[in-house]
C-alpha atoms as a PDB file:
ATOM      1  CA  LEU A   1     121.445  73.396 157.416  1.00  0.00           C
ATOM      2  CA  PHE A   2     119.694  73.804 154.027  1.00  0.00           C
ATOM      3  CA  GLN A   3     121.142  73.690 150.543  1.00  0.00           C
ATOM      4  CA  ARG A   4     119.134  75.231 147.810  1.00  0.00           C
ATOM      5  CA  ASP A   5     118.727  73.798 144.311  1.00  0.00           C
ATOM      6  CA  GLY A   6     116.254  76.103 142.514  1.00  0.00           C
ATOM      7  CA  LEU A   7     113.026  75.935 144.519  1.00  0.00           C
ATOM      8  CA  ASP A   8     114.077  72.681 146.187  1.00  0.00           C
ATOM      9  CA  LEU A   9     115.876  72.531 149.539  1.00  0.00           C
ATOM     10  CA  HIS A  10     118.205  69.723 150.635  1.00  0.00           C
ATOM     11  CA  CYS A  11     118.712  68.885 154.232  1.00  0.00           C
ATOM     12  CA  ARG A  12     120.652  66.097 155.935  1.00  0.00           C
ATOM     13  CA  VAL A  13     118.850  64.722 158.993  1.00  0.00           C
ATOM     14  CA  PRO A  14     120.592  62.566 161.653  1.00  0.00           C
ATOM     15  CA  VAL A  15     118.695  59.369 162.578  1.00  0.00           C
ATOM     16  CA  SER A  16     119.631  56.866 165.251  1.00  0.00           C
ATOM     17  CA  PHE A  17     120.621  53.456 163.928  1.00  0.00           C
ATOM     18  CA  THR A  18     117.726  51.914 165.898  1.00  0.00           C
ATOM     19  CA  THR A  19     115.204  54.206 164.225  1.00  0.00           C
ATOM     20  CA  ALA A  20     116.754  53.378 160.796  1.00  0.00           C
ATOM     21  CA  ALA A  21     116.502  49.671 161.536  1.00  0.00           C
ATOM     22  CA  LEU A  22     113.084  49.551 163.252  1.00  0.00           C
ATOM     23  CA  GLY A  23     111.346  52.564 161.599  1.00  0.00           C
ATOM     24  CA  GLY A  24     109.849  55.452 163.414  1.00  0.00           C
ATOM     25  CA  GLU A  25     109.408  59.178 163.169  1.00  0.00           C
ATOM     26  CA  VAL A  26     111.702  62.181 163.260  1.00  0.00           C
ATOM     27  CA  GLU A  27     111.102  65.870 163.351  1.00  0.00           C
ATOM     28  CA  VAL A  28     112.779  68.019 160.682  1.00  0.00           C
ATOM     29  CA  PRO A  29     113.082  71.776 160.610  1.00  0.00           C
ATOM     30  CA  THR A  30     111.386  73.603 157.784  1.00  0.00           C
ATOM     31  CA  ILE A  31     112.463  76.829 155.983  1.00  0.00           C
ATOM     32  CA  ASP A  32     109.515  78.756 157.595  1.00  0.00           C
ATOM     33  CA  GLY A  33     110.910  78.070 161.112  1.00  0.00           C
ATOM     34  CA  GLY A  34     108.418  75.261 161.815  1.00  0.00           C
ATOM     35  CA  ARG A  35     108.845  71.490 161.998  1.00  0.00           C
ATOM     36  CA  SER A  36     107.483  68.533 160.022  1.00  0.00           C
ATOM     37  CA  ARG A  37     107.285  64.918 161.224  1.00  0.00           C
ATOM     38  CA  VAL A  38     108.641  62.367 158.829  1.00  0.00           C
ATOM     39  CA  LYS A  39     107.997  58.643 158.925  1.00  0.00           C
ATOM     40  CA  ILE A  40     111.169  56.605 158.582  1.00  0.00           C
ATOM     41  CA  PRO A  41     110.539  53.135 157.094  1.00  0.00           C
ATOM     42  CA  ALA A  42     111.990  50.086 158.791  1.00  0.00           C
ATOM     43  CA  GLY A  43     115.371  49.124 157.192  1.00  0.00           C
ATOM     44  CA  ALA A  44     116.196  52.708 156.025  1.00  0.00           C
ATOM     45  CA  GLN A  45     119.812  52.946 154.861  1.00  0.00           C
ATOM     46  CA  ALA A  46     122.174  55.862 155.303  1.00  0.00           C
ATOM     47  CA  GLY A  47     121.763  58.268 152.338  1.00  0.00           C
ATOM     48  CA  LYS A  48     118.120  57.381 151.672  1.00  0.00           C
ATOM     49  CA  GLN A  49     116.330  60.413 150.383  1.00  0.00           C
ATOM     50  CA  MET A  50     112.759  61.372 151.266  1.00  0.00           C
ATOM     51  CA  ARG A  51     110.680  64.189 149.717  1.00  0.00           C
ATOM     52  CA  LEU A  52     108.418  66.674 151.594  1.00  0.00           C
ATOM     53  CA  ARG A  53     106.320  68.164 148.820  1.00  0.00           C
ATOM     54  CA  GLY A  54     105.727  71.896 148.984  1.00  0.00           C
ATOM     55  CA  LYS A  55     108.191  72.443 151.876  1.00  0.00           C
ATOM     56  CA  GLY A  56     110.922  74.024 149.815  1.00  0.00           C
ATOM     57  CA  MET A  57     111.406  77.662 148.763  1.00  0.00           C
ATOM     58  CA  PRO A  58     108.243  79.560 147.978  1.00  0.00           C
ATOM     59  CA  ALA A  59     108.028  80.602 144.309  1.00  0.00           C
ATOM     60  CA  LEU A  60     107.883  84.293 143.506  1.00  0.00           C
ATOM     61  CA  ARG A  61     104.387  85.593 142.536  1.00  0.00           C
ATOM     62  CA  GLY A  62     102.584  82.901 144.454  1.00  0.00           C
ATOM     63  CA  GLY A  63     103.358  79.932 142.234  1.00  0.00           C
ATOM     64  CA  GLY A  64     103.551  77.346 145.057  1.00  0.00           C
ATOM     65  CA  ALA A  65     106.758  76.088 146.552  1.00  0.00           C
ATOM     66  CA  GLY A  66     109.510  73.608 145.855  1.00  0.00           C
ATOM     67  CA  ASP A  67     110.098  70.433 147.768  1.00  0.00           C
ATOM     68  CA  MET A  68     112.378  69.667 150.698  1.00  0.00           C
ATOM     69  CA  LEU A  69     114.607  66.610 150.085  1.00  0.00           C
ATOM     70  CA  ILE A  70     115.767  64.928 153.240  1.00  0.00           C
ATOM     71  CA  GLU A  71     118.877  62.727 153.254  1.00  0.00           C
ATOM     72  CA  LEU A  72     119.115  60.369 156.230  1.00  0.00           C
ATOM     73  CA  GLY A  73     122.323  60.263 158.087  1.00  0.00           C
ATOM     74  CA  VAL A  74     122.325  57.197 160.219  1.00  0.00           C
ATOM     75  CA  GLU A  75     124.352  57.809 163.326  1.00  0.00           C
ATOM     76  CA  THR A  76     126.553  55.146 164.945  1.00  0.00           C
ATOM     77  CA  PRO A  77     126.463  55.392 168.717  1.00  0.00           C
ATOM     78  CA  VAL A  78     129.681  56.237 170.612  1.00  0.00           C
ATOM     79  CA  ASN A  79     130.827  55.797 174.172  1.00  0.00           C
ATOM     80  CA  LEU A  80     128.895  52.535 174.577  1.00  0.00           C
ATOM     81  CA  THR A  81     128.615  50.887 177.974  1.00  0.00           C
ATOM     82  CA  THR A  82     129.815  47.346 178.465  1.00  0.00           C
ATOM     83  CA  ARG A  83     126.226  46.086 178.411  1.00  0.00           C
ATOM     84  CA  GLN A  84     125.470  47.906 175.124  1.00  0.00           C
ATOM     85  CA  LYS A  85     128.565  46.415 173.573  1.00  0.00           C
ATOM     86  CA  GLU A  86     127.457  42.939 174.692  1.00  0.00           C
ATOM     87  CA  LEU A  87     123.968  43.458 173.190  1.00  0.00           C
ATOM     88  CA  LEU A  88     125.414  44.683 169.891  1.00  0.00           C
ATOM     89  CA  ARG A  89     127.765  41.714 169.704  1.00  0.00           C
ATOM     90  CA  GLU A  90     124.808  39.382 170.386  1.00  0.00           C
ATOM     91  CA  PHE A  91     122.734  41.257 167.736  1.00  0.00           C
ATOM     92  CA  GLU A  92     125.588  40.862 165.241  1.00  0.00           C
ATOM     93  CA  SER A  93     125.786  37.114 165.823  1.00  0.00           C
ATOM     94  CA  LEU A  94     122.068  36.825 165.179  1.00  0.00           C
ATOM     95  CA  SER A  95     121.943  38.946 162.098  1.00  0.00           C
ATOM     96  CA  GLN A  96     124.531  37.446 159.629  1.00  0.00           C
ATOM     97  CA  ASP A  97     121.939  37.283 156.823  1.00  0.00           C
ATOM     98  CA  ASN A  98     120.380  40.718 157.341  1.00  0.00           C
ATOM     99  CA  HIS A  99     122.901  42.979 155.498  1.00  0.00           C
ATOM    100  CA  PRO A 100     121.610  43.364 151.942  1.00  0.00           C
ATOM    101  CA  GLU A 101     124.501  45.552 150.649  1.00  0.00           C
ATOM    102  CA  GLY A 102     127.195  43.590 152.407  1.00  0.00           C
ATOM    103  CA  THR A 103     125.883  40.290 151.103  1.00  0.00           C
ATOM    104  CA  SER A 104     125.559  41.678 147.611  1.00  0.00           C
ATOM    105  CA  PHE A 105     129.072  43.248 147.711  1.00  0.00           C
ATOM    106  CA  PHE A 106     130.751  40.141 148.855  1.00  0.00           C
ATOM    107  CA  GLY A 107     128.917  38.050 146.331  1.00  0.00           C
ATOM    108  CA  LYS A 108     130.091  40.341 143.548  1.00  0.00           C
ATOM    109  CA  VAL A 109     133.686  40.139 144.862  1.00  0.00           C
ATOM    110  CA  LYS A 110     133.521  36.292 144.893  1.00  0.00           C
ATOM    111  CA  SER A 111     132.072  36.264 141.361  1.00  0.00           C
ATOM    112  CA  PHE A 112     134.859  38.604 140.238  1.00  0.00           C
ATOM    113  CA  TRP A 113     137.619  36.320 141.576  1.00  0.00           C
ATOM    114  CA  GLU A 114     135.956  33.200 140.191  1.00  0.00           C
ATOM    115  CA  GLY A 115     135.777  34.883 136.800  1.00  0.00           C
ATOM    116  CA  MET A 116     139.499  35.772 137.038  1.00  0.00           C
ATOM    117  CA  LYS A 117     140.345  32.110 137.669  1.00  0.00           C
ATOM    118  CA  GLY A 118     138.345  30.784 134.743  1.00  0.00           C
END
């Protein structure tokens, strides 16, 4: 669940794709057995890292604590109903211009091939 890097802890937290797109809150476990609520900004991408200051490993001799670094793992839904598939297809048709990395990637590919022609 946790990976340690000095006093810092790393944790991958699953987030629904709707929470990643719309924003919201998730609860994450902490090393002391508790939980912390984390606000997820709208438009969060898979792999985004967020920091919880002071929620890492406690330092020896009372010197505070490290941080907990959370990596968002955006989950793709499975076993969709027919209605859910219809809604996602409709959403896809309405959101052709809302994919920043995809748009940037294909723009770079196009520029690459145009440069090869030249």
